[in-house]
Amino acid sequence: MRGWRPLALSLACLLAASATAMANPQAKKAPSSAINAASARNKALTSFQSDLVSVLAPSADPQRLLAAALMARPLPSQAKIVSFPTLINRAAHADGAGPAESWARLADCNPNTVGDCPNGDALAQLVQQAPDNAAVWLLKLSQDAKSQKNDDARQDLAKAASAKLYDDYSGIGLQALASTVSTLPPPNATIDPNSAAGAEGVQVLIVFGSAAGMPQPALRDTAAFCEQGAPKDASIKDDCLKLGKLLEWGSSPLARSLGLHLRETLNTDPGQQQDAQNARRNLIWQVQNFAALSLRAQNNKAQSQHLLALARSGGTQMSLVLAALHDDGIPTDAPTDWQPQQAK
């Protein structure tokens, strides 16, 4: 299953590329004379995002607090009262809070401290809130595998395979952000004078850039567990195949990628293997075209408005990708002569 790792890296790079490039779409070709202007705009964007956090922070609504927390996460030197840890803990304990807030709280930890990530209290809460979500059990599988608790990891795999869905709650994070980003109008200093997207371009940048702060399970640990266990234990192979079917309908392109790879490598039916290869090729086509569409939105007001509307409508990251492609007239199946680009 080693073939999944470069594919996963390619998908991750492509998904990150749209948000990164939107932040500075002309970075590669900007002349040195534009550096000061770009720096000033970046400072204005940071200040504006901090202002949005301050306006949203007094709320008791879990969705607004989730949005504020995600916006605050990348900001430097935030006061404690408007910091990511404070805001996400308030969001997770607010009336009406659900598993999405607990999921975001997984990132309230110190990655430099061994065993501190993901947040243990948040993971324990998720087990209670969302026992039918395979993503929760894959988090536990990763944690137990790293702690060499192989029996516990085996049980985590079984529970993930028997779950009803896979959801990393990125769609809810996007919805919270898109529903609150217009609370304040973007100042002129934040708007790229070379962009035709105007204020909506700023909002798209903040929404999709901040949504990247939602945690992701370490799916590579699941891939490794199946890679090592399936050849030795038929029951592990069966559960990995069962999980793969669930992941194929998961909320994110990375989850779908792993699900298709599990089918391609563990299913002995040549027809199923070829179908999985074709589906993975289409998935890469979808992600690459969505990345390109996202970049175009940075200079297109109507496209920016449409992406914001899709985010506000809810759903999952994957449903947003497919809806955006459909609405732009882009087929979801790759042309027969198309080959995936290599992510750099």
Protein backbone atom coordinates (compact mmCIF):
# COMPACT_ATOMS: atom_id res chain seq x y z
CA MET A 1 0.00 0.00 0.00
CA ARG A 2 2.97 2.26 -0.28
CA GLY A 3 1.45 3.65 -3.48
CA TRP A 4 -1.15 5.53 -1.44
CA ARG A 5 1.40 7.78 0.23
CA PRO A 6 2.49 9.76 -2.88
CA LEU A 7 -1.14 10.00 -3.99
CA ALA A 8 -2.19 11.29 -0.57
CA LEU A 9 0.66 13.80 -0.67
CA SER A 10 -0.43 14.96 -4.12
CA LEU A 11 -4.02 15.44 -2.98
CA ALA A 12 -2.96 17.24 0.18
CA CYS A 13 -0.69 19.55 -1.80
CA LEU A 14 -3.41 20.34 -4.30
CA LEU A 15 -6.01 21.06 -1.61
CA ALA A 16 -3.58 23.29 0.25
CA ALA A 17 -2.48 25.02 -2.94
CA SER A 18 -5.79 26.79 -3.54
CA ALA A 19 -5.83 28.47 -0.12
CA THR A 20 -2.09 29.24 -0.22
CA ALA A 21 -2.13 30.70 -3.70
CA MET A 22 -5.26 32.73 -2.95
CA ALA A 23 -3.32 34.44 -0.20
CA ASN A 24 -0.82 35.75 -2.76
CA PRO A 25 -1.84 34.67 -6.29
CA GLN A 26 0.97 36.65 -7.96
CA ALA A 27 3.73 35.63 -5.56
CA LYS A 28 5.82 33.87 -8.20
CA LYS A 29 5.76 36.76 -10.66
CA ALA A 30 5.64 39.74 -8.32
CA PRO A 31 8.46 42.24 -8.98
CA SER A 32 10.57 43.38 -6.07
CA SER A 33 8.86 46.78 -6.16
CA ALA A 34 5.59 45.10 -5.13
CA ILE A 35 7.01 43.43 -2.01
CA ASN A 36 6.30 46.39 0.29
CA ALA A 37 2.73 46.68 -0.97
CA ALA A 38 2.15 42.96 -0.48
CA SER A 39 3.60 43.15 3.02
CA ALA A 40 1.31 46.06 3.90
CA ARG A 41 -1.70 44.16 2.60
CA ASN A 42 -0.77 41.06 4.59
CA LYS A 43 -0.55 43.17 7.75
CA ALA A 44 -3.95 44.67 6.98
CA LEU A 45 -5.41 41.18 6.43
CA THR A 46 -4.02 39.96 9.74
CA SER A 47 -5.40 43.01 11.54
CA PHE A 48 -8.81 42.59 9.90
CA GLN A 49 -8.97 38.89 10.78
CA SER A 50 -8.10 39.77 14.38
CA ASP A 51 -10.92 42.34 14.38
CA LEU A 52 -13.35 39.69 13.15
CA VAL A 53 -12.29 37.40 15.98
CA SER A 54 -12.86 40.18 18.53
CA VAL A 55 -16.34 40.88 17.18
CA LEU A 56 -17.36 37.20 17.18
CA ALA A 57 -15.77 36.30 20.54
CA PRO A 58 -18.49 37.69 22.88
CA SER A 59 -21.09 35.37 21.31
CA ALA A 60 -22.48 32.34 23.12
CA ASP A 61 -23.35 30.60 19.85
CA PRO A 62 -21.13 27.54 19.22
CA GLN A 63 -20.98 28.11 15.46
CA ARG A 64 -19.82 31.71 15.80
CA LEU A 65 -17.30 30.68 18.46
CA LEU A 66 -16.05 27.88 16.20
CA ALA A 67 -15.55 30.41 13.41
CA ALA A 68 -13.77 32.79 15.76
CA ALA A 69 -11.50 30.01 17.01
CA LEU A 70 -10.54 28.90 13.50
CA MET A 71 -9.83 32.50 12.49
CA ALA A 72 -7.74 33.02 15.63
CA ARG A 73 -5.66 29.86 15.27
CA PRO A 74 -3.11 31.18 12.73
CA LEU A 75 -2.91 34.67 14.19
CA PRO A 76 0.25 35.62 16.12
CA SER A 77 0.25 37.12 19.61
CA GLN A 78 -3.47 36.90 20.31
CA ALA A 79 -4.59 37.92 23.79
CA LYS A 80 -5.62 34.89 25.85
CA ILE A 81 -9.30 35.89 25.85
CA VAL A 82 -9.40 35.78 22.05
CA SER A 83 -6.91 32.94 21.54
CA PHE A 84 -7.68 29.65 19.82
CA PRO A 85 -7.57 27.56 23.04
CA THR A 86 -9.96 29.88 24.89
CA LEU A 87 -12.40 30.24 22.02
CA ILE A 88 -12.53 26.57 21.02
CA ASN A 89 -13.03 25.47 24.62
CA ARG A 90 -15.91 27.93 24.93
CA ALA A 91 -17.33 26.66 21.64
CA ALA A 92 -17.11 23.01 22.71
CA HIS A 93 -18.93 23.72 25.99
CA ALA A 94 -21.56 26.14 24.64
CA ASP A 95 -25.24 25.19 24.62
CA GLY A 96 -25.98 23.42 21.37
CA ALA A 97 -22.36 22.46 20.69
CA GLY A 98 -21.81 19.23 18.77
CA PRO A 99 -19.00 17.00 17.60
CA ALA A 100 -17.67 19.60 15.13
CA GLU A 101 -16.61 21.86 17.99
CA SER A 102 -15.03 18.94 19.85
CA TRP A 103 -13.26 17.93 16.65
CA ALA A 104 -11.70 21.37 16.25
CA ARG A 105 -10.69 21.21 19.91
CA LEU A 106 -8.44 18.25 19.07
CA ALA A 107 -5.94 20.87 17.90
CA ASP A 108 -5.83 22.51 21.35
CA CYS A 109 -2.56 20.81 22.28
CA ASN A 110 1.18 21.26 22.12
CA PRO A 111 2.68 19.40 19.14
CA ASN A 112 6.12 19.71 20.74
CA THR A 113 5.03 17.66 23.76
CA VAL A 114 4.99 13.90 23.18
CA GLY A 115 1.52 12.45 23.62
CA ASP A 116 -0.20 15.81 23.96
CA CYS A 117 -1.82 15.76 20.49
CA PRO A 118 -4.59 15.25 19.75
CA ASN A 119 -6.28 16.76 22.79
CA GLY A 120 -7.23 13.77 24.94
CA ASP A 121 -10.32 15.32 26.52
CA ALA A 122 -11.67 16.27 23.10
CA LEU A 123 -11.10 12.76 21.76
CA ALA A 124 -12.86 11.21 24.76
CA GLN A 125 -15.78 13.60 24.21
CA LEU A 126 -15.95 12.65 20.52
CA VAL A 127 -16.17 8.96 21.37
CA GLN A 128 -19.31 9.81 23.33
CA GLN A 129 -20.73 12.31 20.82
CA ALA A 130 -20.03 10.53 17.54
CA PRO A 131 -19.52 6.78 18.04
CA ASP A 132 -20.84 6.11 14.51
CA ASN A 133 -18.20 8.29 12.85
CA ALA A 134 -15.26 6.27 11.52
CA ALA A 135 -13.04 9.37 11.63
CA VAL A 136 -13.18 9.29 15.44
CA TRP A 137 -12.04 5.66 15.59
CA LEU A 138 -9.26 6.29 13.09
CA LEU A 139 -8.00 9.00 15.42
CA LYS A 140 -7.95 6.44 18.21
CA LEU A 141 -6.32 3.87 15.95
CA SER A 142 -3.51 6.29 15.20
CA GLN A 143 -3.04 7.08 18.87
CA ASP A 144 -3.12 3.43 19.96
CA ALA A 145 -0.83 2.29 17.14
CA LYS A 146 1.78 4.89 18.08
CA SER A 147 1.54 3.73 21.70
CA GLN A 148 2.01 0.13 20.51
CA LYS A 149 -1.39 -0.85 21.89
CA ASN A 150 -1.99 -3.25 19.02
CA ASP A 151 -5.04 -4.97 20.51
CA ASP A 152 -6.72 -1.62 21.10
CA ALA A 153 -5.82 -0.47 17.59
CA ARG A 154 -7.37 -3.67 16.22
CA GLN A 155 -10.61 -2.86 18.04
CA ASP A 156 -10.48 0.70 16.74
CA LEU A 157 -10.26 -0.65 13.19
CA ALA A 158 -13.26 -2.90 13.77
CA LYS A 159 -15.32 0.00 15.13
CA ALA A 160 -14.30 2.24 12.24
CA ALA A 161 -15.26 -0.46 9.75
CA SER A 162 -18.68 -0.81 11.40
CA ALA A 163 -19.36 2.94 11.56
CA LYS A 164 -22.12 4.62 9.56
CA LEU A 165 -20.07 7.46 8.04
CA TYR A 166 -16.72 9.18 7.80
CA ASP A 167 -16.79 12.92 8.51
CA ASP A 168 -13.91 15.20 9.50
CA TYR A 169 -16.34 18.14 10.00
CA SER A 170 -14.48 20.41 7.57
CA GLY A 171 -17.80 21.20 5.93
CA ILE A 172 -19.21 22.48 9.21
CA GLY A 173 -16.08 24.54 9.77
CA LEU A 174 -16.44 26.08 6.30
CA GLN A 175 -20.11 26.79 6.94
CA ALA A 176 -19.38 28.50 10.25
CA LEU A 177 -16.68 30.65 8.67
CA ALA A 178 -18.66 31.56 5.55
CA SER A 179 -21.70 32.46 7.66
CA THR A 180 -19.75 34.90 9.83
CA VAL A 181 -17.02 36.35 7.61
CA SER A 182 -19.31 39.18 6.44
CA THR A 183 -19.83 40.40 10.01
CA LEU A 184 -17.39 43.21 9.19
CA PRO A 185 -16.70 44.69 5.74
CA PRO A 186 -13.10 44.23 4.60
CA PRO A 187 -11.15 47.53 4.72
CA ASN A 188 -9.76 48.84 1.45
CA ALA A 189 -6.23 48.06 2.60
CA THR A 190 -7.05 44.33 2.60
CA ILE A 191 -8.29 44.25 -0.98
CA ASP A 192 -5.83 43.34 -3.71
CA PRO A 193 -5.88 46.23 -6.21
CA ASN A 194 -4.95 43.78 -8.97
CA SER A 195 -7.96 41.56 -8.26
CA ALA A 196 -11.45 41.94 -9.68
CA ALA A 197 -12.95 39.92 -6.82
CA GLY A 198 -13.02 42.87 -4.41
CA ALA A 199 -14.24 42.28 -0.87
CA GLU A 200 -15.50 38.79 -1.72
CA GLY A 201 -11.96 37.80 -2.64
CA VAL A 202 -10.83 38.75 0.86
CA GLN A 203 -13.69 36.78 2.40
CA VAL A 204 -12.93 33.67 0.34
CA LEU A 205 -9.30 33.90 1.40
CA ILE A 206 -10.20 34.10 5.09
CA VAL A 207 -12.84 31.37 4.92
CA PHE A 208 -10.85 28.74 3.04
CA GLY A 209 -7.55 29.68 4.67
CA SER A 210 -9.00 29.43 8.19
CA ALA A 211 -10.86 26.19 7.41
CA ALA A 212 -7.48 24.56 6.86
CA GLY A 213 -7.10 24.76 10.65
CA MET A 214 -9.59 21.92 11.17
CA PRO A 215 -7.63 18.84 12.33
CA GLN A 216 -7.23 15.79 10.09
CA PRO A 217 -6.82 12.16 11.18
CA ALA A 218 -3.45 10.60 10.43
CA LEU A 219 -4.82 8.37 7.67
CA ARG A 220 -1.31 7.16 6.91
CA ASP A 221 -1.43 5.26 10.21
CA THR A 222 -4.57 3.44 9.06
CA ALA A 223 -2.88 2.68 5.73
CA ALA A 224 0.15 1.27 7.58
CA PHE A 225 -2.02 -0.81 9.94
CA CYS A 226 -3.84 -2.40 7.00
CA GLU A 227 -0.60 -2.81 5.05
CA GLN A 228 1.04 -4.70 7.87
CA GLY A 229 -1.95 -6.63 9.17
CA ALA A 230 -4.00 -7.67 6.13
CA PRO A 231 -1.45 -10.17 4.71
CA LYS A 232 -1.24 -11.94 8.09
CA ASP A 233 -4.84 -11.82 9.35
CA ALA A 234 -7.90 -12.40 7.15
CA SER A 235 -10.15 -10.62 9.65
CA ILE A 236 -8.01 -7.47 9.43
CA LYS A 237 -8.17 -7.66 5.63
CA ASP A 238 -11.96 -7.97 5.80
CA ASP A 239 -12.27 -4.97 8.11
CA CYS A 240 -9.89 -2.91 5.97
CA LEU A 241 -11.99 -3.68 2.88
CA LYS A 242 -15.17 -2.83 4.78
CA LEU A 243 -13.63 0.41 5.99
CA GLY A 244 -12.47 1.16 2.45
CA LYS A 245 -16.05 1.05 1.18
CA LEU A 246 -17.06 3.55 3.86
CA LEU A 247 -14.11 5.83 3.10
CA GLU A 248 -14.99 5.89 -0.60
CA TRP A 249 -18.06 7.90 0.44
CA GLY A 250 -16.18 9.92 3.05
CA SER A 251 -16.26 13.66 3.56
CA SER A 252 -12.81 14.46 2.18
CA PRO A 253 -10.78 13.66 -0.95
CA LEU A 254 -8.02 12.17 1.21
CA ALA A 255 -10.46 9.75 2.87
CA ARG A 256 -11.84 8.74 -0.52
CA SER A 257 -8.32 8.27 -1.83
CA LEU A 258 -7.46 5.83 0.96
CA GLY A 259 -10.75 3.97 0.54
CA LEU A 260 -10.13 3.47 -3.18
CA HIS A 261 -6.57 2.39 -2.54
CA LEU A 262 -7.69 -0.21 -0.01
CA ARG A 263 -10.06 -1.65 -2.63
CA GLU A 264 -7.42 -1.59 -5.33
CA THR A 265 -4.79 -3.38 -3.25
CA LEU A 266 -6.84 -5.74 -1.06
CA ASN A 267 -9.68 -6.79 -3.36
CA THR A 268 -8.64 -9.76 -5.49
CA ASP A 269 -11.23 -9.11 -8.23
CA PRO A 270 -9.41 -7.56 -11.24
CA GLY A 271 -12.57 -5.72 -12.22
CA GLN A 272 -12.81 -4.09 -8.79
CA GLN A 273 -9.12 -3.18 -8.90
CA GLN A 274 -9.49 -1.47 -12.28
CA ASP A 275 -12.66 0.33 -11.19
CA ALA A 276 -10.83 1.65 -8.11
CA GLN A 277 -7.92 2.85 -10.27
CA ASN A 278 -10.33 4.68 -12.55
CA ALA A 279 -12.15 6.25 -9.61
CA ARG A 280 -8.87 7.44 -8.08
CA ARG A 281 -7.88 9.02 -11.38
CA ASN A 282 -11.22 10.85 -11.47
CA LEU A 283 -10.69 11.97 -7.88
CA ILE A 284 -7.36 13.57 -8.74
CA TRP A 285 -9.01 15.25 -11.74
CA GLN A 286 -11.68 16.67 -9.45
CA VAL A 287 -9.20 17.99 -6.90
CA GLN A 288 -6.91 19.53 -9.50
CA ASN A 289 -9.81 21.26 -11.24
CA PHE A 290 -11.21 22.55 -7.96
CA ALA A 291 -7.78 23.97 -7.08
CA ALA A 292 -7.69 25.75 -10.45
CA LEU A 293 -11.26 27.00 -9.98
CA SER A 294 -10.38 28.34 -6.53
CA LEU A 295 -7.47 30.29 -7.98
CA ARG A 296 -9.72 31.80 -10.64
CA ALA A 297 -12.12 32.89 -7.93
CA GLN A 298 -9.43 35.17 -6.53
CA ASN A 299 -9.88 37.38 -9.59
CA ASN A 300 -13.58 36.78 -10.22
CA LYS A 301 -16.21 38.39 -8.02
CA ALA A 302 -19.07 36.12 -9.15
CA GLN A 303 -16.97 32.99 -8.61
CA SER A 304 -15.94 34.16 -5.14
CA GLN A 305 -19.57 34.84 -4.24
CA HIS A 306 -20.54 31.39 -5.48
CA LEU A 307 -17.87 29.59 -3.45
CA LEU A 308 -18.98 31.48 -0.34
CA ALA A 309 -22.60 30.53 -1.02
CA LEU A 310 -21.65 26.86 -1.41
CA ALA A 311 -19.72 26.97 1.86
CA ARG A 312 -22.64 28.59 3.67
CA SER A 313 -25.01 25.87 2.42
CA GLY A 314 -23.22 23.22 4.47
CA GLY A 315 -22.37 19.66 3.46
CA THR A 316 -18.86 18.25 3.35
CA GLN A 317 -15.60 19.30 1.78
CA MET A 318 -16.17 16.67 -0.93
CA SER A 319 -19.73 17.78 -1.68
CA LEU A 320 -18.52 21.37 -2.02
CA VAL A 321 -15.83 20.30 -4.50
CA LEU A 322 -18.33 18.35 -6.61
CA ALA A 323 -20.96 21.10 -6.50
CA ALA A 324 -18.42 23.75 -7.53
CA LEU A 325 -17.29 21.65 -10.49
CA HIS A 326 -20.85 20.90 -11.55
CA ASP A 327 -21.91 24.54 -11.38
CA ASP A 328 -18.89 25.57 -13.44
CA GLY A 329 -19.66 23.00 -16.12
CA ILE A 330 -16.61 20.85 -15.35
CA PRO A 331 -17.25 17.09 -15.69
CA THR A 332 -16.40 14.97 -12.67
CA ASP A 333 -14.96 12.19 -14.85
CA ALA A 334 -11.54 12.79 -16.35
CA PRO A 335 -11.14 12.66 -20.15
CA THR A 336 -9.86 9.30 -21.35
CA ASP A 337 -6.53 10.77 -22.46
CA TRP A 338 -5.97 12.82 -19.30
CA GLN A 339 -3.06 12.10 -16.97
CA PRO A 340 -2.69 13.52 -13.43
CA GLN A 341 -0.23 16.35 -12.91
CA GLN A 342 2.52 15.71 -10.41
CA ALA A 343 2.11 17.89 -7.31
CA LYS A 344 5.30 19.76 -6.43
